[in-house]
Amino acid sequence: MFGGASLNELGLVAFLVALIMIAPKVSRIGEVVGGLFERSGGPDAGAGSDEAGDEASHDQEG
């Protein structure tokens, strides 16, 4: 319809934009949306990207 997008796709985009606009105002929604973008704590999360920081934290522990 509009540039090749259907009404369902336009509705979804409008919903997501509204959700993003409301999220900072409603803390629970903001936490859920923010959680979607957090790195998981799995073994592959940030592998090799923060090696110096890991060594420094090990030095401080013991």
N, C-alpha and C. Protein backbone atom coordinates (compact mmCIF):
# COMPACT_ATOMS: atom_id res chain seq x y z
N MET A 1 0.81 -1.18 0.00
CA MET A 1 0.00 0.00 0.00
C MET A 1 0.86 1.26 0.00
N PHE A 2 1.48 1.53 1.15
CA PHE A 2 2.32 2.71 1.29
C PHE A 2 3.78 2.29 1.15
N GLY A 3 4.32 2.46 -0.04
CA GLY A 3 5.71 2.08 -0.25
C GLY A 3 5.95 0.59 -0.13
N GLY A 4 4.95 -0.21 -0.39
CA GLY A 4 5.10 -1.66 -0.33
C GLY A 4 4.81 -2.25 1.03
N ALA A 5 4.37 -1.43 2.00
CA ALA A 5 4.07 -1.92 3.34
C ALA A 5 2.56 -2.13 3.49
N SER A 6 2.21 -3.20 4.16
CA SER A 6 0.79 -3.47 4.39
C SER A 6 0.31 -2.69 5.62
N LEU A 7 -1.00 -2.68 5.83
CA LEU A 7 -1.54 -1.99 7.00
C LEU A 7 -1.08 -2.65 8.30
N ASN A 8 -0.90 -3.97 8.28
CA ASN A 8 -0.40 -4.65 9.48
C ASN A 8 1.02 -4.20 9.82
N GLU A 9 1.85 -4.06 8.82
CA GLU A 9 3.23 -3.63 9.06
C GLU A 9 3.27 -2.19 9.58
N LEU A 10 2.43 -1.32 9.00
CA LEU A 10 2.37 0.06 9.47
C LEU A 10 1.85 0.13 10.91
N GLY A 11 0.88 -0.71 11.23
CA GLY A 11 0.36 -0.76 12.59
C GLY A 11 1.41 -1.22 13.58
N LEU A 12 2.20 -2.21 13.20
CA LEU A 12 3.27 -2.70 14.06
C LEU A 12 4.31 -1.61 14.32
N VAL A 13 4.70 -0.90 13.27
CA VAL A 13 5.67 0.19 13.42
C VAL A 13 5.11 1.27 14.33
N ALA A 14 3.84 1.62 14.16
CA ALA A 14 3.22 2.64 15.01
C ALA A 14 3.18 2.18 16.46
N PHE A 15 2.88 0.90 16.70
CA PHE A 15 2.86 0.36 18.06
C PHE A 15 4.24 0.41 18.69
N LEU A 16 5.27 0.01 17.94
CA LEU A 16 6.63 0.02 18.48
C LEU A 16 7.10 1.44 18.78
N VAL A 17 6.77 2.39 17.92
CA VAL A 17 7.15 3.78 18.17
C VAL A 17 6.45 4.28 19.43
N ALA A 18 5.18 3.97 19.58
CA ALA A 18 4.45 4.39 20.79
C ALA A 18 5.05 3.74 22.03
N LEU A 19 5.41 2.48 21.94
CA LEU A 19 6.01 1.77 23.07
C LEU A 19 7.33 2.40 23.47
N ILE A 20 8.14 2.77 22.49
CA ILE A 20 9.43 3.39 22.77
C ILE A 20 9.23 4.78 23.39
N MET A 21 8.21 5.48 22.96
CA MET A 21 7.94 6.82 23.53
C MET A 21 7.44 6.72 24.96
N ILE A 22 6.69 5.66 25.28
CA ILE A 22 6.10 5.51 26.61
C ILE A 22 7.08 4.85 27.58
N ALA A 23 8.00 4.03 27.09
CA ALA A 23 8.86 3.21 27.94
C ALA A 23 9.62 4.00 29.01
N PRO A 24 10.20 5.15 28.73
CA PRO A 24 10.91 5.87 29.80
C PRO A 24 9.99 6.36 30.91
N LYS A 25 8.73 6.54 30.62
CA LYS A 25 7.79 7.07 31.60
C LYS A 25 7.21 5.99 32.51
N VAL A 26 7.14 4.78 32.02
CA VAL A 26 6.59 3.67 32.80
C VAL A 26 7.75 2.73 33.09
N SER A 27 8.19 2.69 34.34
CA SER A 27 9.44 2.00 34.68
C SER A 27 9.42 0.51 34.33
N ARG A 28 8.33 -0.15 34.57
CA ARG A 28 8.29 -1.59 34.31
C ARG A 28 8.46 -1.88 32.83
N ILE A 29 7.78 -1.12 31.97
CA ILE A 29 7.92 -1.31 30.52
C ILE A 29 9.35 -0.96 30.11
N GLY A 30 9.89 0.10 30.69
CA GLY A 30 11.27 0.49 30.38
C GLY A 30 12.27 -0.59 30.73
N GLU A 31 12.06 -1.26 31.87
CA GLU A 31 12.96 -2.34 32.26
C GLU A 31 12.89 -3.51 31.29
N VAL A 32 11.68 -3.84 30.84
CA VAL A 32 11.51 -4.96 29.91
C VAL A 32 12.18 -4.63 28.57
N VAL A 33 11.93 -3.42 28.07
CA VAL A 33 12.51 -3.02 26.79
C VAL A 33 14.03 -2.95 26.91
N GLY A 34 14.53 -2.39 28.01
CA GLY A 34 15.97 -2.33 28.22
C GLY A 34 16.60 -3.71 28.34
N GLY A 35 15.86 -4.64 28.94
CA GLY A 35 16.37 -6.00 29.09
C GLY A 35 16.55 -6.71 27.76
N LEU A 36 15.80 -6.28 26.76
CA LEU A 36 15.94 -6.89 25.44
C LEU A 36 17.30 -6.57 24.82
N PHE A 37 17.88 -5.43 25.24
CA PHE A 37 19.12 -4.99 24.62
C PHE A 37 20.34 -5.25 25.48
N GLU A 38 20.17 -5.85 26.66
CA GLU A 38 21.31 -6.18 27.51
C GLU A 38 22.03 -7.39 26.95
N ARG A 39 23.30 -7.45 27.25
CA ARG A 39 24.06 -8.64 26.86
C ARG A 39 23.71 -9.78 27.79
N SER A 40 23.61 -10.95 27.24
CA SER A 40 23.35 -12.11 28.08
C SER A 40 24.62 -12.45 28.85
N GLY A 41 24.49 -13.14 29.95
CA GLY A 41 25.64 -13.47 30.79
C GLY A 41 26.29 -14.77 30.36
N GLY A 42 26.01 -15.23 29.17
CA GLY A 42 26.56 -16.49 28.68
C GLY A 42 28.05 -16.44 28.46
N PRO A 43 28.65 -17.58 28.19
CA PRO A 43 30.10 -17.63 28.04
C PRO A 43 30.60 -16.87 26.80
N ASP A 44 29.77 -16.67 25.80
CA ASP A 44 30.20 -15.99 24.59
C ASP A 44 29.99 -14.48 24.65
N ALA A 45 29.35 -13.97 25.68
CA ALA A 45 29.06 -12.54 25.77
C ALA A 45 30.34 -11.75 25.96
N GLY A 46 30.71 -10.98 24.95
CA GLY A 46 31.89 -10.13 25.03
C GLY A 46 33.19 -10.91 25.11
N ALA A 47 33.25 -12.08 24.53
CA ALA A 47 34.46 -12.90 24.61
C ALA A 47 35.64 -12.19 23.98
N GLY A 48 36.66 -11.95 24.79
CA GLY A 48 37.89 -11.35 24.30
C GLY A 48 37.84 -9.84 24.17
N SER A 49 36.70 -9.21 24.38
CA SER A 49 36.62 -7.77 24.18
C SER A 49 37.05 -7.00 25.41
N ASP A 50 37.05 -7.62 26.58
CA ASP A 50 37.35 -6.90 27.81
C ASP A 50 38.35 -7.68 28.65
N GLU A 51 39.37 -8.23 28.01
CA GLU A 51 40.32 -9.07 28.72
C GLU A 51 41.10 -8.27 29.76
N ALA A 52 41.51 -7.04 29.44
CA ALA A 52 42.28 -6.24 30.38
C ALA A 52 41.44 -5.91 31.61
N GLY A 53 40.18 -5.63 31.42
CA GLY A 53 39.29 -5.35 32.54
C GLY A 53 39.09 -6.56 33.42
N ASP A 54 39.04 -7.75 32.82
CA ASP A 54 38.90 -8.97 33.60
C ASP A 54 40.13 -9.21 34.46
N GLU A 55 41.31 -8.98 33.90
CA GLU A 55 42.54 -9.18 34.66
C GLU A 55 42.61 -8.20 35.83
N ALA A 56 42.19 -6.96 35.60
CA ALA A 56 42.23 -5.96 36.66
C ALA A 56 41.27 -6.33 37.79
N SER A 57 40.10 -6.87 37.45
CA SER A 57 39.15 -7.24 38.49
C SER A 57 39.64 -8.44 39.27
N HIS A 58 40.38 -9.36 38.64
CA HIS A 58 40.94 -10.50 39.35
C HIS A 58 42.04 -10.04 40.31
N ASP A 59 42.81 -9.03 39.91
CA ASP A 59 43.86 -8.51 40.78
C ASP A 59 43.27 -7.87 42.03
N GLN A 60 42.13 -7.22 41.91
CA GLN A 60 41.52 -6.52 43.02
C GLN A 60 40.90 -7.52 44.01
N GLU A 61 40.46 -8.67 43.51
CA GLU A 61 39.80 -9.64 44.38
C GLU A 61 40.78 -10.29 45.35
N GLY A 62 41.96 -10.57 44.89
CA GLY A 62 42.82 -11.33 45.79
C GLY A 62 44.20 -11.01 45.67
